[in-house]
Protein backbone atom coordinates (compact mmCIF):
# COMPACT_ATOMS: atom_id res chain seq x y z
CA MET A 1 -5.60 -13.95 18.08
CA ARG A 2 -4.82 -11.94 21.18
CA LEU A 3 -6.88 -9.36 23.04
CA SER A 4 -5.15 -6.72 25.16
CA PHE A 5 -6.30 -6.40 28.75
CA ASN A 6 -7.20 -2.74 28.36
CA ARG A 7 -9.30 -3.68 25.33
CA VAL A 8 -10.90 -6.41 27.46
CA LEU A 9 -11.87 -3.78 30.03
CA LEU A 10 -13.26 -1.43 27.40
CA CYS A 11 -15.33 -4.29 25.98
CA LEU A 12 -17.14 -4.82 29.27
CA SER A 13 -19.73 -2.19 28.40
CA LEU A 14 -19.27 -1.85 24.63
CA SER A 15 -19.83 -5.57 24.05
CA LEU A 16 -23.44 -5.14 25.13
CA MET A 17 -24.14 -2.78 22.23
CA PRO A 18 -24.79 -3.71 18.59
CA GLY A 19 -21.64 -4.58 16.64
CA ILE A 20 -20.23 -2.25 14.00
CA ALA A 21 -19.08 -3.73 10.69
CA ILE A 22 -15.88 -2.34 9.18
CA ALA A 23 -16.44 -1.69 5.50
CA GLN A 24 -13.87 -2.85 3.01
CA ASP A 25 -12.32 -0.07 0.98
CA ALA A 26 -12.84 -1.00 -2.64
CA GLY A 27 -10.98 1.95 -4.13
CA ALA A 28 -7.88 1.65 -6.28
CA THR A 29 -4.45 1.87 -4.69
CA GLY A 30 -1.48 3.85 -5.83
CA ALA A 31 2.14 3.16 -6.67
CA ASP A 32 4.28 0.89 -4.51
CA THR A 33 7.07 3.24 -3.49
CA VAL A 34 9.22 3.61 -0.37
CA VAL A 35 10.55 7.02 0.60
CA VAL A 36 12.97 7.55 3.50
CA ASP A 37 13.12 11.10 4.85
CA GLU A 38 16.01 12.87 6.54
CA LYS A 39 15.01 11.42 9.91
CA GLY A 40 15.16 7.85 8.57
CA VAL A 41 11.38 7.43 8.75
CA ILE A 42 9.84 5.25 6.02
CA ASP A 43 6.90 6.76 4.17
CA MET A 44 5.23 4.25 1.84
CA GLU A 45 2.85 4.86 -0.98
CA ALA A 46 -0.11 2.50 -1.29
CA VAL A 47 0.41 -1.19 -2.07
CA VAL A 48 -0.50 -2.22 -5.62
CA VAL A 49 -2.47 -5.44 -5.98
CA SER A 50 -4.95 -5.16 -8.83
CA GLY A 51 -7.66 -7.45 -10.16
CA MET A 52 -8.75 -10.81 -8.81
CA GLN A 53 -6.16 -12.48 -6.56
CA PRO A 54 -6.12 -16.18 -5.57
CA GLY A 55 -4.80 -15.92 -2.02
CA PRO A 56 -2.97 -18.92 -0.51
CA GLY A 57 -3.84 -22.59 -0.86
CA LEU A 58 -5.31 -24.55 2.04
CA TRP A 59 -3.47 -26.76 4.53
CA LYS A 60 -5.04 -30.17 5.10
CA VAL A 61 -5.04 -32.09 8.39
CA ARG A 62 -6.10 -35.75 8.07
CA HIS A 63 -7.63 -38.16 10.56
CA GLY A 64 -8.39 -41.25 8.49
CA ASP A 65 -10.83 -40.07 5.84
CA HIS A 66 -11.75 -36.99 7.88
CA LEU A 67 -10.25 -33.66 6.76
CA LEU A 68 -9.68 -30.32 8.45
CA TYR A 69 -8.97 -27.56 5.89
CA LEU A 70 -7.00 -24.62 7.28
CA LEU A 71 -6.76 -21.20 5.68
CA GLY A 72 -3.72 -19.23 6.84
CA THR A 73 -4.73 -15.60 7.21
CA GLN A 74 -2.34 -12.68 6.86
CA SER A 75 -2.99 -9.29 8.36
CA PRO A 76 -2.70 -6.67 7.03
CA LEU A 77 -3.71 -7.17 3.40
CA PRO A 78 -3.72 -4.74 0.48
CA LYS A 79 -6.64 -2.32 0.33
CA GLY A 80 -8.99 -2.84 -2.54
CA MET A 81 -7.89 -6.37 -3.41
CA THR A 82 -10.57 -8.79 -4.62
CA TRP A 83 -10.01 -12.32 -3.36
CA ARG A 84 -10.71 -15.13 -5.82
CA SER A 85 -11.83 -17.53 -3.13
CA ASP A 86 -12.92 -20.50 -5.29
CA GLU A 87 -11.13 -23.20 -3.27
CA VAL A 88 -12.36 -21.88 0.08
CA THR A 89 -15.93 -21.46 -1.23
CA GLN A 90 -15.98 -25.06 -2.50
CA VAL A 91 -14.84 -26.38 0.88
CA LEU A 92 -17.41 -24.22 2.68
CA LEU A 93 -20.17 -25.70 0.50
CA LEU A 94 -19.20 -29.20 1.69
CA ALA A 95 -18.10 -28.54 5.27
CA ASP A 96 -19.94 -30.24 8.12
CA GLU A 97 -18.58 -27.63 10.53
CA VAL A 98 -16.71 -24.32 10.35
CA LEU A 99 -14.61 -23.39 13.37
CA GLY A 100 -14.21 -19.80 14.45
CA PRO A 101 -10.70 -18.44 15.04
CA PRO A 102 -8.99 -18.75 18.43
CA GLY A 103 -9.28 -15.80 20.75
CA VAL A 104 -10.82 -14.46 23.94
CA THR A 105 -14.35 -13.43 24.78
CA VAL A 106 -15.29 -11.66 28.00
CA ASN A 107 -18.39 -12.36 30.04
CA ALA A 108 -18.58 -9.45 32.44
CA ASP A 109 -21.80 -10.72 34.08
CA VAL A 110 -23.44 -7.30 33.92
CA GLY A 111 -26.90 -6.29 32.84
CA PHE A 112 -27.57 -3.96 29.92
CA PHE A 113 -28.21 -0.81 31.95
CA ARG A 114 -25.31 -1.46 34.29
CA GLY A 115 -23.11 -1.97 31.22
CA LEU A 116 -24.12 1.41 29.84
CA SER A 117 -23.47 3.07 33.19
CA MET A 118 -19.92 1.68 33.14
CA LEU A 119 -19.05 3.32 29.81
CA PRO A 120 -17.69 6.56 31.32
CA SER A 121 -15.40 4.55 33.62
CA ALA A 122 -14.19 2.45 30.70
CA LEU A 123 -13.35 5.54 28.67
CA LYS A 124 -11.49 7.05 31.62
CA ALA A 125 -9.47 3.84 31.95
CA ALA A 126 -8.12 4.45 28.44
CA LYS A 127 -6.51 7.69 29.59
CA ASN A 128 -3.35 8.26 31.61
CA PRO A 129 -3.89 8.63 35.37
CA ASP A 130 -4.04 12.11 36.92
CA GLY A 131 -4.64 13.84 33.60
CA GLU A 132 -1.10 13.26 32.37
CA LYS A 133 -0.25 13.38 28.67
CA LEU A 134 2.14 11.24 26.68
CA GLN A 135 4.81 13.93 26.96
CA ASP A 136 4.60 13.59 30.75
CA VAL A 137 4.95 9.80 30.91
CA LEU A 138 7.28 8.93 28.02
CA PRO A 139 11.10 9.38 27.99
CA PRO A 140 12.04 12.42 25.86
CA GLU A 141 13.67 10.41 23.05
CA LEU A 142 10.65 8.14 22.76
CA TYR A 143 8.21 11.04 22.80
CA ALA A 144 10.25 12.77 20.07
CA ARG A 145 9.92 9.70 17.82
CA TRP A 146 6.22 9.48 18.61
CA SER A 147 5.70 13.16 17.73
CA VAL A 148 7.25 12.79 14.27
CA LEU A 149 5.14 9.75 13.40
CA LYS A 150 1.99 11.13 14.99
CA GLN A 151 2.27 14.31 12.91
CA ARG A 152 2.87 12.23 9.77
CA TYR A 153 -0.02 9.79 10.20
CA MET A 154 -2.52 11.39 12.60
CA GLY A 155 -2.00 15.14 12.21
CA ARG A 156 -3.42 17.42 14.89
CA ASP A 157 -5.14 14.80 17.03
CA GLY A 158 -4.90 16.28 20.50
CA GLY A 159 -7.09 13.66 22.13
CA VAL A 160 -4.64 10.82 21.52
CA GLU A 161 -2.04 12.63 23.63
CA LYS A 162 -4.16 11.95 26.73
CA LYS A 163 -4.41 8.21 26.13
CA ARG A 164 -2.27 5.49 27.67
CA PRO A 165 0.83 4.78 25.57
CA LEU A 166 -0.26 1.28 24.51
CA ILE A 167 -3.63 2.53 23.29
CA ALA A 168 -2.16 5.58 21.56
CA VAL A 169 0.55 3.65 19.71
CA TYR A 170 -1.95 0.99 18.60
CA GLU A 171 -4.08 3.72 17.02
CA LEU A 172 -0.99 5.18 15.34
CA TYR A 173 -0.08 1.77 13.90
CA GLY A 174 -3.55 1.45 12.37
CA LYS A 175 -3.25 4.87 10.73
CA ALA A 176 0.20 3.99 9.37
CA LEU A 177 -1.12 0.77 7.84
CA SER A 178 -3.94 2.61 6.11
CA ARG A 179 -1.51 5.20 4.74
CA SER A 180 0.58 2.34 3.32
CA GLY A 181 -2.36 0.92 1.35
CA LEU A 182 -3.06 -1.87 3.84
CA GLN A 183 -6.12 -3.01 5.76
CA ASN A 184 -7.12 -5.56 8.36
CA ALA A 185 -7.58 -9.04 6.87
CA GLY A 186 -11.13 -9.25 8.23
CA GLY A 187 -12.37 -6.96 5.48
CA VAL A 188 -11.26 -9.49 2.84
CA VAL A 189 -11.71 -12.94 4.40
CA THR A 190 -14.72 -12.58 6.70
CA PRO A 191 -17.32 -11.56 4.06
CA VAL A 192 -16.50 -14.66 1.97
CA ILE A 193 -16.87 -17.04 4.91
CA GLU A 194 -19.98 -15.41 6.34
CA GLY A 195 -21.62 -15.18 2.91
CA ALA A 196 -21.13 -18.90 2.23
CA LEU A 197 -22.40 -19.85 5.68
CA LYS A 198 -25.45 -17.60 5.40
CA ALA A 199 -26.37 -19.26 2.11
CA ARG A 200 -26.32 -22.63 3.89
CA GLY A 201 -28.04 -21.44 7.05
CA MET A 202 -24.92 -22.27 9.12
CA LYS A 203 -22.88 -20.43 11.69
CA ARG A 204 -19.26 -20.79 12.78
CA THR A 205 -18.66 -22.86 15.89
CA PRO A 206 -17.06 -20.60 18.52
CA THR A 207 -13.63 -21.71 19.73
CA GLN A 208 -12.81 -18.69 21.85
CA LEU A 209 -11.69 -18.91 25.44
CA LYS A 210 -14.38 -17.46 27.71
CA ILE A 211 -13.25 -15.34 30.62
CA THR A 212 -15.67 -14.18 33.27
CA LEU A 213 -14.88 -11.06 35.28
CA GLU A 214 -16.88 -11.27 38.47
CA ASP A 215 -16.16 -7.64 39.35
CA PRO A 216 -15.85 -5.63 36.12
CA LYS A 217 -16.34 -2.31 37.91
CA GLY A 218 -13.50 -3.17 40.28
CA ALA A 219 -11.31 -4.24 37.34
CA LEU A 220 -11.82 -0.87 35.68
CA ALA A 221 -11.01 0.93 38.91
CA ASP A 222 -7.83 -1.10 39.42
CA PHE A 223 -6.70 -0.56 35.85
CA ARG A 224 -7.16 3.20 36.10
CA LYS A 225 -4.66 3.24 38.97
CA GLU A 226 -1.92 1.44 37.04
CA THR A 227 1.13 3.47 36.07
CA LEU A 228 3.56 3.00 33.17
CA LYS A 229 5.66 -0.17 33.36
CA PRO A 230 8.92 -1.18 31.61
CA GLN A 231 6.90 -3.62 29.46
CA ASP A 232 4.73 -0.72 28.27
CA LEU A 233 7.79 1.23 27.15
CA ALA A 234 9.22 -1.82 25.39
CA CYS A 235 5.95 -2.37 23.54
CA PHE A 236 5.69 1.31 22.61
CA ARG A 237 9.26 1.36 21.28
CA LYS A 238 8.79 -1.88 19.32
CA THR A 239 5.66 -0.57 17.63
CA LEU A 240 7.43 2.64 16.61
CA ASP A 241 10.22 0.44 15.18
CA LEU A 242 7.61 -1.41 13.11
CA ILE A 243 6.14 1.81 11.77
CA GLU A 244 9.53 3.40 11.01
CA HIS A 245 11.36 0.46 9.49
CA GLU A 246 9.25 -2.68 8.98
CA LEU A 247 6.21 -1.56 7.00
CA PRO A 248 7.89 -2.67 3.74
CA GLN A 249 7.99 -6.23 5.12
CA SER A 250 4.30 -5.97 6.02
CA ALA A 251 3.57 -4.81 2.49
CA ALA A 252 5.63 -7.64 0.98
CA SER A 253 3.82 -10.21 3.14
CA ALA A 254 0.48 -8.73 2.11
CA ARG A 255 1.37 -9.03 -1.57
CA ALA A 256 2.59 -12.62 -1.07
CA TRP A 257 -0.73 -13.62 0.50
CA ALA A 258 -2.71 -11.95 -2.25
CA VAL A 259 -0.94 -13.85 -5.04
CA GLY A 260 -0.74 -17.15 -3.11
CA ASP A 261 3.07 -17.33 -2.86
CA TRP A 262 3.34 -19.76 0.09
CA THR A 263 7.14 -19.75 0.11
CA ALA A 264 7.21 -15.99 0.54
CA ILE A 265 4.29 -16.12 2.99
CA ARG A 266 6.11 -18.65 5.16
CA ASN A 267 9.46 -16.87 4.99
CA GLY A 268 7.86 -13.57 5.95
CA ALA A 269 5.63 -14.93 8.71
CA ARG A 270 6.19 -13.35 12.08
CA ALA A 271 4.23 -12.41 15.15
CA ASP A 272 2.32 -9.16 14.74
CA GLU A 273 2.82 -6.09 16.93
CA ARG A 274 0.31 -7.30 19.49
CA ALA A 275 2.30 -10.49 20.10
CA ALA A 276 5.43 -8.41 20.60
CA CYS A 277 3.54 -6.54 23.32
CA GLU A 278 2.08 -9.60 25.03
CA SER A 279 3.78 -9.10 28.39
CA ALA A 280 2.66 -5.48 28.47
CA TRP A 281 -0.96 -6.50 27.93
CA PHE A 282 -1.14 -9.35 30.42
CA ASP A 283 1.70 -9.06 32.94
CA THR A 284 -0.12 -6.59 35.20
CA ASP A 285 -1.33 -6.69 38.78
CA THR A 286 -4.85 -5.93 37.58
CA ALA A 287 -4.87 -8.82 35.10
CA ARG A 288 -3.61 -11.31 37.68
CA LYS A 289 -5.98 -10.05 40.37
CA HIS A 290 -9.00 -10.56 38.12
CA GLY A 291 -7.99 -13.97 36.78
CA VAL A 292 -6.64 -12.93 33.37
CA ARG A 293 -3.51 -15.08 33.16
CA ASP A 294 -1.90 -17.76 30.98
CA ILE A 295 -4.02 -16.49 28.09
CA ASP A 296 -1.93 -17.86 25.21
CA ALA A 297 -1.76 -21.39 26.61
CA ARG A 298 -5.47 -21.43 27.45
CA VAL A 299 -6.50 -20.06 24.03
CA ARG A 300 -4.34 -22.66 22.30
CA ALA A 301 -5.66 -25.53 24.43
CA LYS A 302 -9.27 -24.49 23.79
CA TRP A 303 -8.83 -24.35 20.00
CA LEU A 304 -6.98 -27.69 19.83
CA GLU A 305 -9.70 -29.31 21.94
CA MET A 306 -12.35 -28.06 19.49
CA ALA A 307 -10.30 -29.13 16.45
CA ASP A 308 -9.81 -32.61 17.94
CA ALA A 309 -13.54 -33.03 18.45
CA SER A 310 -14.40 -31.76 14.98
CA LEU A 311 -11.84 -33.95 13.22
CA ARG A 312 -13.16 -37.07 14.91
CA LYS A 313 -16.81 -36.19 14.34
CA ASN A 314 -16.91 -34.63 10.86
CA ARG A 315 -15.83 -35.68 7.38
CA ILE A 316 -14.98 -32.09 6.44
CA THR A 317 -14.14 -29.18 8.73
CA PHE A 318 -12.93 -25.70 7.79
CA ALA A 319 -11.06 -23.22 10.01
CA THR A 320 -8.87 -20.14 9.81
CA LEU A 321 -5.66 -19.39 11.70
CA SER A 322 -3.06 -16.69 11.24
CA VAL A 323 -0.10 -17.74 9.11
CA TRP A 324 2.27 -17.13 12.03
CA ASP A 325 0.23 -19.29 14.40
CA LEU A 326 0.16 -22.02 11.76
CA VAL A 327 3.81 -22.25 10.77
CA LYS A 328 5.91 -21.11 13.74
CA PRO A 329 7.97 -23.99 15.24
CA ASP A 330 5.60 -24.48 18.18
CA GLY A 331 2.49 -23.48 16.25
CA TYR A 332 -0.84 -25.17 15.67
CA LEU A 333 0.37 -27.34 12.77
CA ALA A 334 3.18 -28.72 14.93
CA ALA A 335 0.70 -29.37 17.74
CA LEU A 336 -1.66 -31.22 15.40
CA GLN A 337 1.20 -33.33 14.04
CA ALA A 338 2.26 -34.15 17.61
CA ARG A 339 -1.26 -35.47 18.21
CA GLY A 340 -0.82 -37.98 15.39
CA TYR A 341 -2.60 -36.19 12.56
CA THR A 342 -1.19 -36.08 9.04
CA VAL A 343 -0.51 -32.54 7.82
CA GLU A 344 -0.32 -31.66 4.12
CA ALA A 345 1.01 -28.31 2.86
CA PRO A 346 -0.81 -26.30 0.16
CA GLU A 347 -0.01 -27.34 -3.40
């Protein structure tokens, strides 16, 4: 899991406030249809996945008689699906430890009131410098593509036009997913895991990389000064490509996960839009200046260190990783095999 640097900066003050749970939409979805308009833009009806769905089987990593069960998560997933999570629930009832997913957490070293006072600065950092709008900073052809998709999925949202391109296009992608009958995987998987752990009085063991920003106020100020970079434009263009042409693949992958078709899941696995934008998130002067560098390698090393310790200590461990991070050639399964563990695919 990756966290964009501008989202890191916004979290400096927001992370001090109570969390907000995203409710799962339990409504029925519509017909699975793809319509291509005269501009070549794909408009999808909602994804159909009805009734109880099994989801994928679990990977097993062995160290002697110690087992690490891995659930490959796929995001997005169909709205309204009900996951028949029998296998995962049984493992959770027996697990000695449940590892949280890899990622990044920010310790800004600020007090509560100082955090609240930084909120206006954080919100300003999400906007383009000098009051510019997307039309002012994007090449005409890119802004024209954005305008068509924005009208289709966001309507008359004038506020988004003032935001930095990476933030604006990320919001657009989320709206497009929802329109296509898809949702973030957290709304399906997380309640099952947290419910089982709550019943046992357990909590997930954090595996996230902790980053401390010694000068969060200075980081916000530096970020607000940054102008558009080539990496930003590449990320923006790639995300529009995903929305225009690749949502059917996202829908197919979502259906494959829901019905537990591991062959289709594996064949369709790819990095999500955030991974495609990795250099735009992290290859900035502000990120380097404030110590945010080599994030992928450090996140990976932290998770593998925690998995090593858990496999050696516990008879049964459970963890979740994205399908792409699991099965890509240099992914976590390959790393675990390289460390001498036996890896077994789902049945």
